[in-house]
Amino acid sequence: MTLPELFVVVPAGGSGTRLWPLSRAGNPKFLHALTGTDRSLLQATFDRLTPLAPPERLLVVTGTAHAAGVARQLPDLPDSNILVEPFARDSCAAIALAAAVIERRSPGAVMASFAADHLITDTDEFERTVEQAVAGAREGYLMTIGITPTRPETGYGYLRLSAQAERGELQPVLEFKEKPSLEVASRYVESGAYLWNASMFVWRTDLFLAELAARRPDVAEPIAAIAAAWDSDRQEDVLAELWPTVPKVAVEYAVMEPAAEEGKVATVPGDFGWSDIGDFETVVRLLGTDVGQGGRSFSPAAPQSRAVVVDGEDVIVVPNSGRLVATLGVRDLIVVDTDDAVLVCDRDRAQDIKRLTEILREHGDTDYL
């Protein structure tokens, strides 16, 4: 179901912190086969999106360290559609750069942005939802695809609707609510009037860039100048000069939250088996197998690795070095074994793994990052 004139953008960034030490800065999670198949998350995303737009209308925005990996994993993607950031400036810069390049190549086009590291199980429903969002974008809305919540989740943002969520129906977004407490998240889910914000966006490039220019000219102006030199012999020089001046800000804060307050944002609720592969808990819940007593294990790159859990309870083991990992009489642990680093973590602290990488960086142990 190719959608005419639709461009698709895949932001593929990240520093490999939430799944450390399995994921590293130079080999982030989207390049790993965390899909239950031999396809990486990036490749699975490409497979899911090319029915909507051919490779000629699909762009990947990635960092210098990852560009070669992206090109290697996606040989059908034109080289000119890999937009390389000199260094990360958060989601607004990456998405705005893609929008500006698309607007230069095809003025007034509709673009859709989907992260490189999400899983979706019902692709037919996903395509139908995107089609509805594209229709809303053509009407002039800044569109999101909201995810029907399945549980109270404090790690996601929420979209407040004007009425009960109706799957597949365009509905106004009144407000973004970022990462509420468990009590508040429970109330949101029970009300039926909130969706998860999964950072899936659809809009006309000219309208988005106009909103960005009105709200954050400090982002819009250097991005416009960079895009004006794109596909020319001045591209690299202008990018190197101006990219460091682009502020770091998420697109939700820069555009979507204030635009929602003015009635310019709408959503199509989706229910297509979406998962954000954001931590080891999620990975093993979706893709792991039971090992021993009270343990689950997943080994994406070293299937010969083994795990044994004896007299355990809620133990997660990720053996990825070829070694056997065994636990005895422990509970509520995450154990990740790689060639050069071992992580042992209380399950309740899974969201704090990023702190370990920050400490390693402070101590100069960058070889492990």
Protein backbone atom coordinates (compact mmCIF):
# COMPACT_ATOMS: atom_id res chain seq x y z
CA MET A 1 0.00 0.00 0.00
CA THR A 2 2.36 2.70 -1.21
CA LEU A 3 1.03 6.13 -0.24
CA PRO A 4 1.59 8.64 -3.08
CA GLU A 5 3.98 11.48 -2.31
CA LEU A 6 4.66 10.25 1.23
CA PHE A 7 8.23 10.53 2.48
CA VAL A 8 9.29 8.47 5.49
CA VAL A 9 12.02 9.51 7.94
CA VAL A 10 13.79 7.18 10.37
CA PRO A 11 15.76 8.93 13.13
CA ALA A 12 18.45 6.41 14.04
CA GLY A 13 20.43 7.89 16.88
CA GLY A 14 21.20 6.97 20.45
CA SER A 15 24.27 6.44 22.55
CA GLY A 16 23.68 2.84 23.61
CA THR A 17 23.06 3.56 27.29
CA ARG A 18 19.81 1.88 28.27
CA LEU A 19 20.88 -1.57 27.05
CA TRP A 20 24.53 -1.29 28.09
CA PRO A 21 26.78 -3.32 27.93
CA LEU A 22 24.97 -5.15 25.11
CA SER A 23 24.46 -1.88 23.24
CA ARG A 24 27.37 0.53 22.83
CA ALA A 25 27.83 4.03 21.43
CA GLY A 26 29.38 2.67 18.24
CA ASN A 27 26.95 -0.25 18.00
CA PRO A 28 23.59 0.99 19.34
CA LYS A 29 20.52 -1.15 19.82
CA PHE A 30 18.93 -0.36 16.45
CA LEU A 31 21.79 -2.23 14.74
CA HIS A 32 21.18 -5.33 16.90
CA ALA A 33 18.88 -8.23 16.04
CA LEU A 34 16.41 -7.59 18.86
CA THR A 35 13.42 -8.66 16.77
CA GLY A 36 13.22 -12.41 17.30
CA THR A 37 14.67 -12.87 13.78
CA ASP A 38 18.06 -12.32 12.15
CA ARG A 39 16.93 -8.81 11.08
CA SER A 40 18.08 -5.88 13.19
CA LEU A 41 15.62 -3.36 14.59
CA LEU A 42 16.67 -0.95 11.83
CA GLN A 43 16.16 -3.56 9.13
CA ALA A 44 12.77 -4.53 10.56
CA THR A 45 11.79 -0.85 10.52
CA PHE A 46 12.89 -0.57 6.88
CA ASP A 47 10.90 -3.70 5.98
CA ARG A 48 7.81 -2.25 7.68
CA LEU A 49 8.05 1.17 6.02
CA THR A 50 8.98 0.39 2.42
CA PRO A 51 5.41 -0.76 1.62
CA LEU A 52 4.37 2.81 2.52
CA ALA A 53 7.14 4.59 0.62
CA PRO A 54 9.85 3.16 -1.65
CA PRO A 55 13.54 3.46 -0.66
CA GLU A 56 13.83 6.55 -2.88
CA ARG A 57 11.44 8.34 -0.51
CA LEU A 58 12.85 6.94 2.74
CA LEU A 59 15.50 8.90 4.65
CA VAL A 60 17.55 7.81 7.67
CA VAL A 61 19.06 10.45 9.95
CA THR A 62 22.00 9.05 11.88
CA GLY A 63 25.31 9.94 13.45
CA THR A 64 28.79 9.81 11.98
CA ALA A 65 29.66 6.70 14.01
CA HIS A 66 26.63 4.81 12.70
CA ALA A 67 26.47 5.85 9.05
CA ALA A 68 28.56 2.94 7.77
CA GLY A 69 26.48 0.46 9.77
CA VAL A 70 23.25 1.92 8.40
CA ALA A 71 24.54 1.73 4.82
CA ARG A 72 25.73 -1.83 5.33
CA GLN A 73 22.42 -3.01 6.79
CA LEU A 74 20.26 -1.15 4.24
CA PRO A 75 21.94 -1.71 0.85
CA ASP A 76 18.75 -0.72 -1.03
CA LEU A 77 18.71 2.75 0.54
CA PRO A 78 20.24 5.45 -1.72
CA ASP A 79 23.40 6.95 -0.21
CA SER A 80 21.93 10.42 -0.63
CA ASN A 81 19.08 9.43 1.70
CA ILE A 82 21.40 8.81 4.65
CA LEU A 83 21.57 12.19 6.39
CA VAL A 84 24.58 12.22 8.68
CA GLU A 85 24.65 14.44 11.78
CA PRO A 86 28.16 15.40 12.92
CA PHE A 87 26.94 14.80 16.49
CA ALA A 88 23.58 14.41 18.21
CA ARG A 89 21.46 17.53 18.82
CA ASP A 90 18.29 15.73 20.03
CA SER A 91 15.19 14.86 18.05
CA CYS A 92 14.11 18.30 16.86
CA ALA A 93 17.32 18.95 14.93
CA ALA A 94 17.30 15.51 13.31
CA ILE A 95 13.65 15.63 12.30
CA ALA A 96 13.85 19.26 11.17
CA LEU A 97 16.88 18.53 8.99
CA ALA A 98 15.00 15.70 7.29
CA ALA A 99 11.91 17.88 6.84
CA ALA A 100 13.95 20.70 5.33
CA VAL A 101 15.78 18.38 2.92
CA ILE A 102 12.47 16.80 1.84
CA GLU A 103 10.91 20.25 1.39
CA ARG A 104 13.88 21.24 -0.80
CA ARG A 105 13.50 18.10 -2.93
CA SER A 106 9.67 17.95 -2.99
CA PRO A 107 7.94 21.13 -1.74
CA GLY A 108 4.77 20.57 0.27
CA ALA A 109 5.31 16.83 0.68
CA VAL A 110 3.92 14.84 3.58
CA MET A 111 6.52 13.17 5.79
CA ALA A 112 6.13 10.56 8.49
CA SER A 113 8.77 9.96 11.17
CA PHE A 114 9.26 6.62 12.94
CA ALA A 115 12.07 5.61 15.30
CA ALA A 116 14.53 2.93 14.23
CA ASP A 117 14.30 0.91 17.44
CA HIS A 118 10.61 0.02 17.89
CA LEU A 119 8.83 -3.29 17.32
CA ILE A 120 5.40 -3.59 15.67
CA THR A 121 3.63 -6.92 15.31
CA ASP A 122 0.48 -6.04 13.30
CA THR A 123 1.82 -4.36 10.17
CA ASP A 124 -1.56 -4.31 8.40
CA GLU A 125 -3.14 -2.32 11.22
CA PHE A 126 -0.06 -0.11 11.36
CA GLU A 127 -0.42 0.73 7.65
CA ARG A 128 -4.11 1.55 8.05
CA THR A 129 -3.32 3.85 10.97
CA VAL A 130 -0.57 5.65 9.04
CA GLU A 131 -2.95 6.11 6.10
CA GLN A 132 -5.43 7.87 8.41
CA ALA A 133 -2.65 10.04 9.84
CA VAL A 134 -1.51 11.03 6.36
CA ALA A 135 -5.07 12.13 5.56
CA GLY A 136 -5.04 14.32 8.68
CA ALA A 137 -1.68 15.80 7.70
CA ARG A 138 -3.04 16.74 4.29
CA GLU A 139 -5.84 18.60 6.09
CA GLY A 140 -3.19 20.72 7.81
CA TYR A 141 -2.79 19.04 11.19
CA LEU A 142 0.49 18.18 12.87
CA MET A 143 -0.30 14.50 13.41
CA THR A 144 0.84 12.00 15.97
CA ILE A 145 0.10 8.32 16.10
CA GLY A 146 -0.85 7.65 19.70
CA ILE A 147 -0.54 4.19 21.19
CA THR A 148 -3.43 2.71 23.15
CA PRO A 149 -1.98 2.18 26.66
CA THR A 150 -1.89 -1.39 27.93
CA ARG A 151 -0.69 -0.55 31.44
CA PRO A 152 0.27 2.43 33.61
CA GLU A 153 3.76 3.36 32.41
CA THR A 154 5.81 6.16 33.95
CA GLY A 155 8.50 6.13 31.26
CA TYR A 156 6.29 7.42 28.44
CA GLY A 157 4.61 10.70 27.66
CA TYR A 158 0.82 10.86 27.36
CA LEU A 159 -1.49 12.61 24.91
CA ARG A 160 -4.70 14.02 26.39
CA LEU A 161 -7.70 13.75 24.09
CA SER A 162 -11.00 15.61 24.14
CA ALA A 163 -12.98 12.38 24.39
CA GLN A 164 -12.62 8.60 24.69
CA ALA A 165 -9.98 7.27 22.31
CA GLU A 166 -11.41 5.73 19.14
CA ARG A 167 -9.01 3.46 17.27
CA GLY A 168 -8.36 4.62 13.73
CA GLU A 169 -10.26 7.90 14.14
CA LEU A 170 -8.65 11.34 13.92
CA GLN A 171 -9.00 13.12 17.27
CA PRO A 172 -7.68 16.47 18.59
CA VAL A 173 -4.80 16.42 21.07
CA LEU A 174 -5.36 18.89 23.88
CA GLU A 175 -2.12 18.46 25.76
CA PHE A 176 1.12 16.49 26.10
CA LYS A 177 1.83 15.10 29.58
CA GLU A 178 5.38 13.86 30.02
CA LYS A 179 6.29 10.92 32.29
CA PRO A 180 3.71 11.13 35.10
CA SER A 181 3.84 9.35 38.44
CA LEU A 182 2.45 5.81 38.69
CA GLU A 183 -0.68 7.07 40.43
CA VAL A 184 -1.33 9.67 37.72
CA ALA A 185 -0.51 7.21 34.92
CA SER A 186 -3.01 4.74 36.37
CA ARG A 187 -5.69 7.42 36.35
CA TYR A 188 -4.86 8.31 32.74
CA VAL A 189 -5.17 4.71 31.58
CA GLU A 190 -8.44 4.15 33.44
CA SER A 191 -9.99 7.28 31.91
CA GLY A 192 -9.54 6.08 28.31
CA ALA A 193 -8.85 9.68 27.25
CA TYR A 194 -5.06 9.39 27.08
CA LEU A 195 -2.66 7.73 24.67
CA TRP A 196 1.02 7.00 24.89
CA ASN A 197 3.24 9.34 22.90
CA ALA A 198 5.52 7.05 20.89
CA SER A 199 7.13 9.89 18.89
CA MET A 200 5.48 8.87 15.62
CA PHE A 201 4.74 12.04 13.67
CA VAL A 202 3.11 12.83 10.31
CA TRP A 203 2.83 16.32 8.77
CA ARG A 204 3.34 18.46 5.70
CA THR A 205 6.95 19.56 5.65
CA ASP A 206 6.12 23.18 4.83
CA LEU A 207 3.64 23.46 7.73
CA PHE A 208 6.00 21.86 10.24
CA LEU A 209 8.90 24.08 9.20
CA ALA A 210 6.67 27.15 9.49
CA GLU A 211 5.64 26.13 13.02
CA LEU A 212 9.28 25.53 13.93
CA ALA A 213 10.32 28.94 12.55
CA ALA A 214 7.59 30.68 14.54
CA ARG A 215 8.40 28.91 17.82
CA ARG A 216 12.11 28.13 17.69
CA PRO A 217 13.90 30.34 15.14
CA ASP A 218 17.16 29.42 16.87
CA VAL A 219 16.64 25.89 15.51
CA ALA A 220 14.86 26.75 12.27
CA GLU A 221 17.35 29.30 10.91
CA PRO A 222 20.54 27.20 10.95
CA ILE A 223 18.59 24.14 9.75
CA ALA A 224 17.22 26.15 6.81
CA ALA A 225 20.71 27.31 5.86
CA ILE A 226 22.07 23.76 6.10
CA ALA A 227 19.24 22.40 3.96
CA ALA A 228 19.75 25.15 1.37
CA ALA A 229 23.27 23.81 0.79
CA TRP A 230 22.24 20.13 0.85
CA ASP A 231 22.96 18.04 -2.24
CA SER A 232 25.55 20.64 -3.32
CA ASP A 233 29.32 20.85 -3.08
CA ARG A 234 28.87 23.23 -0.11
CA GLN A 235 26.93 20.70 1.97
CA GLU A 236 29.75 19.48 4.23
CA ASP A 237 31.25 22.92 4.87
CA VAL A 238 27.90 24.50 5.79
CA LEU A 239 26.95 21.52 7.94
CA ALA A 240 30.24 21.64 9.85
CA GLU A 241 29.90 25.40 10.39
CA LEU A 242 26.26 25.61 11.46
CA TRP A 243 25.38 22.26 13.08
CA PRO A 244 27.14 23.15 16.37
CA THR A 245 24.92 26.23 16.66
CA VAL A 246 21.66 24.23 16.62
CA PRO A 247 20.23 23.99 20.18
CA LYS A 248 19.51 20.59 21.70
CA VAL A 249 15.76 20.19 22.17
CA ALA A 250 13.18 17.46 21.65
CA VAL A 251 10.58 18.05 18.95
CA GLU A 252 7.81 17.49 21.50
CA TYR A 253 8.96 20.48 23.55
CA ALA A 254 9.94 22.68 20.60
CA VAL A 255 6.81 22.28 18.47
CA MET A 256 4.25 19.69 19.46
CA GLU A 257 3.41 20.77 23.02
CA PRO A 258 2.83 24.47 22.22
CA ALA A 259 1.07 23.62 18.93
CA ALA A 260 -1.30 21.26 20.80
CA GLU A 261 -2.33 24.13 23.08
CA GLU A 262 -3.39 26.04 19.96
CA GLY A 263 -5.44 23.17 18.51
CA LYS A 264 -3.01 22.36 15.71
CA VAL A 265 -2.22 18.79 16.75
CA ALA A 266 -4.33 15.71 16.19
CA THR A 267 -3.78 11.98 16.58
CA VAL A 268 -4.96 8.65 15.27
CA PRO A 269 -5.04 6.09 18.10
CA GLY A 270 -3.16 2.95 17.11
CA ASP A 271 -3.30 -0.59 18.42
CA PHE A 272 -0.83 -2.60 16.36
CA GLY A 273 1.40 -4.42 18.83
CA TRP A 274 3.85 -1.57 19.41
CA SER A 275 6.80 -1.98 21.77
CA ASP A 276 9.64 0.37 22.62
CA ILE A 277 12.73 -1.80 23.10
CA GLY A 278 13.87 0.47 25.89
CA ASP A 279 15.28 -1.83 28.55
CA PHE A 280 16.23 -5.43 29.29
CA GLU A 281 12.89 -6.02 31.00
CA THR A 282 11.06 -5.31 27.73
CA VAL A 283 13.50 -7.27 25.57
CA VAL A 284 13.26 -10.42 27.65
CA ARG A 285 9.50 -10.13 28.16
CA LEU A 286 8.97 -10.00 24.39
CA LEU A 287 11.73 -12.22 23.07
CA GLY A 288 13.09 -14.27 25.95
CA THR A 289 12.60 -17.89 26.93
CA ASP A 290 12.23 -19.48 30.35
CA VAL A 291 15.46 -20.87 31.78
CA GLY A 292 15.50 -22.90 34.97
CA GLN A 293 13.45 -21.85 37.94
CA GLY A 294 12.30 -18.22 37.90
CA GLY A 295 14.53 -16.99 35.09
CA ARG A 296 14.20 -15.72 31.51
CA SER A 297 17.00 -15.35 29.02
CA PHE A 298 17.70 -13.88 25.60
CA SER A 299 20.92 -14.00 23.59
CA PRO A 300 20.69 -11.98 20.36
CA ALA A 301 24.21 -12.33 18.96
CA ALA A 302 25.60 -15.46 20.63
CA PRO A 303 22.95 -18.19 20.42
CA GLN A 304 25.45 -20.74 21.70
CA SER A 305 25.54 -18.89 25.02
CA ARG A 306 23.57 -20.51 27.80
CA ALA A 307 21.90 -19.47 31.04
CA VAL A 308 20.83 -21.59 33.99
CA VAL A 309 18.76 -20.22 36.86
CA VAL A 310 18.33 -22.38 39.96
CA ASP A 311 16.01 -21.48 42.86
CA GLY A 312 15.54 -18.01 41.37
CA GLU A 313 12.73 -15.54 41.16
CA ASP A 314 12.34 -12.83 38.49
CA VAL A 315 15.90 -13.21 37.17
CA ILE A 316 16.84 -11.87 33.73
CA VAL A 317 19.97 -13.25 32.08
CA VAL A 318 21.45 -11.99 28.80
CA PRO A 319 24.44 -14.26 27.99
CA ASN A 320 26.23 -12.81 25.00
CA SER A 321 29.84 -13.92 25.26
CA GLY A 322 29.65 -17.65 24.56
CA ARG A 323 30.01 -18.43 28.26
CA LEU A 324 27.54 -20.19 30.50
CA VAL A 325 25.91 -17.83 33.02
CA ALA A 326 24.44 -19.54 36.08
CA THR A 327 22.64 -18.09 39.09
CA LEU A 328 21.69 -19.81 42.34
CA GLY A 329 19.17 -18.64 44.92
CA VAL A 330 18.90 -15.01 43.77
CA ARG A 331 15.92 -12.87 42.84
CA ASP A 332 15.05 -9.63 41.07
CA LEU A 333 18.35 -9.43 39.17
CA ILE A 334 19.48 -8.53 35.67
CA VAL A 335 22.74 -10.18 34.56
CA VAL A 336 24.27 -9.23 31.20
CA ASP A 337 27.48 -10.95 30.08
CA THR A 338 29.50 -9.64 27.12
CA ASP A 339 33.07 -10.19 25.97
CA ASP A 340 34.52 -7.24 27.88
CA ALA A 341 31.92 -6.25 30.50
CA VAL A 342 29.45 -7.84 32.91
CA LEU A 343 26.44 -6.03 34.36
CA VAL A 344 24.69 -7.17 37.55
CA CYS A 345 21.72 -4.96 38.35
CA ASP A 346 18.67 -4.96 40.59
CA ARG A 347 15.61 -5.17 38.32
CA ASP A 348 14.14 -2.08 39.97
CA ARG A 349 17.19 -0.10 38.83
CA ALA A 350 17.01 -1.01 35.12
CA GLN A 351 16.14 2.57 34.15
CA ASP A 352 19.30 3.79 35.95
CA ILE A 353 21.79 1.85 33.81
CA LYS A 354 22.52 5.09 31.99
CA ARG A 355 24.13 6.36 35.22
CA LEU A 356 26.77 3.63 34.97
CA THR A 357 27.75 4.78 31.49
CA GLU A 358 27.98 8.37 32.71
CA ILE A 359 30.32 7.30 35.53
CA LEU A 360 32.47 5.31 33.10
CA ARG A 361 32.71 8.37 30.88
CA GLU A 362 33.70 10.56 33.84
CA HIS A 363 36.44 8.08 34.77
CA GLY A 364 37.79 7.98 31.22
CA ASP A 365 36.78 4.36 30.61
CA THR A 366 35.41 5.17 27.17
CA ASP A 367 36.61 1.87 25.66
CA TYR A 368 33.67 0.24 27.41
CA LEU A 369 31.11 2.67 25.98
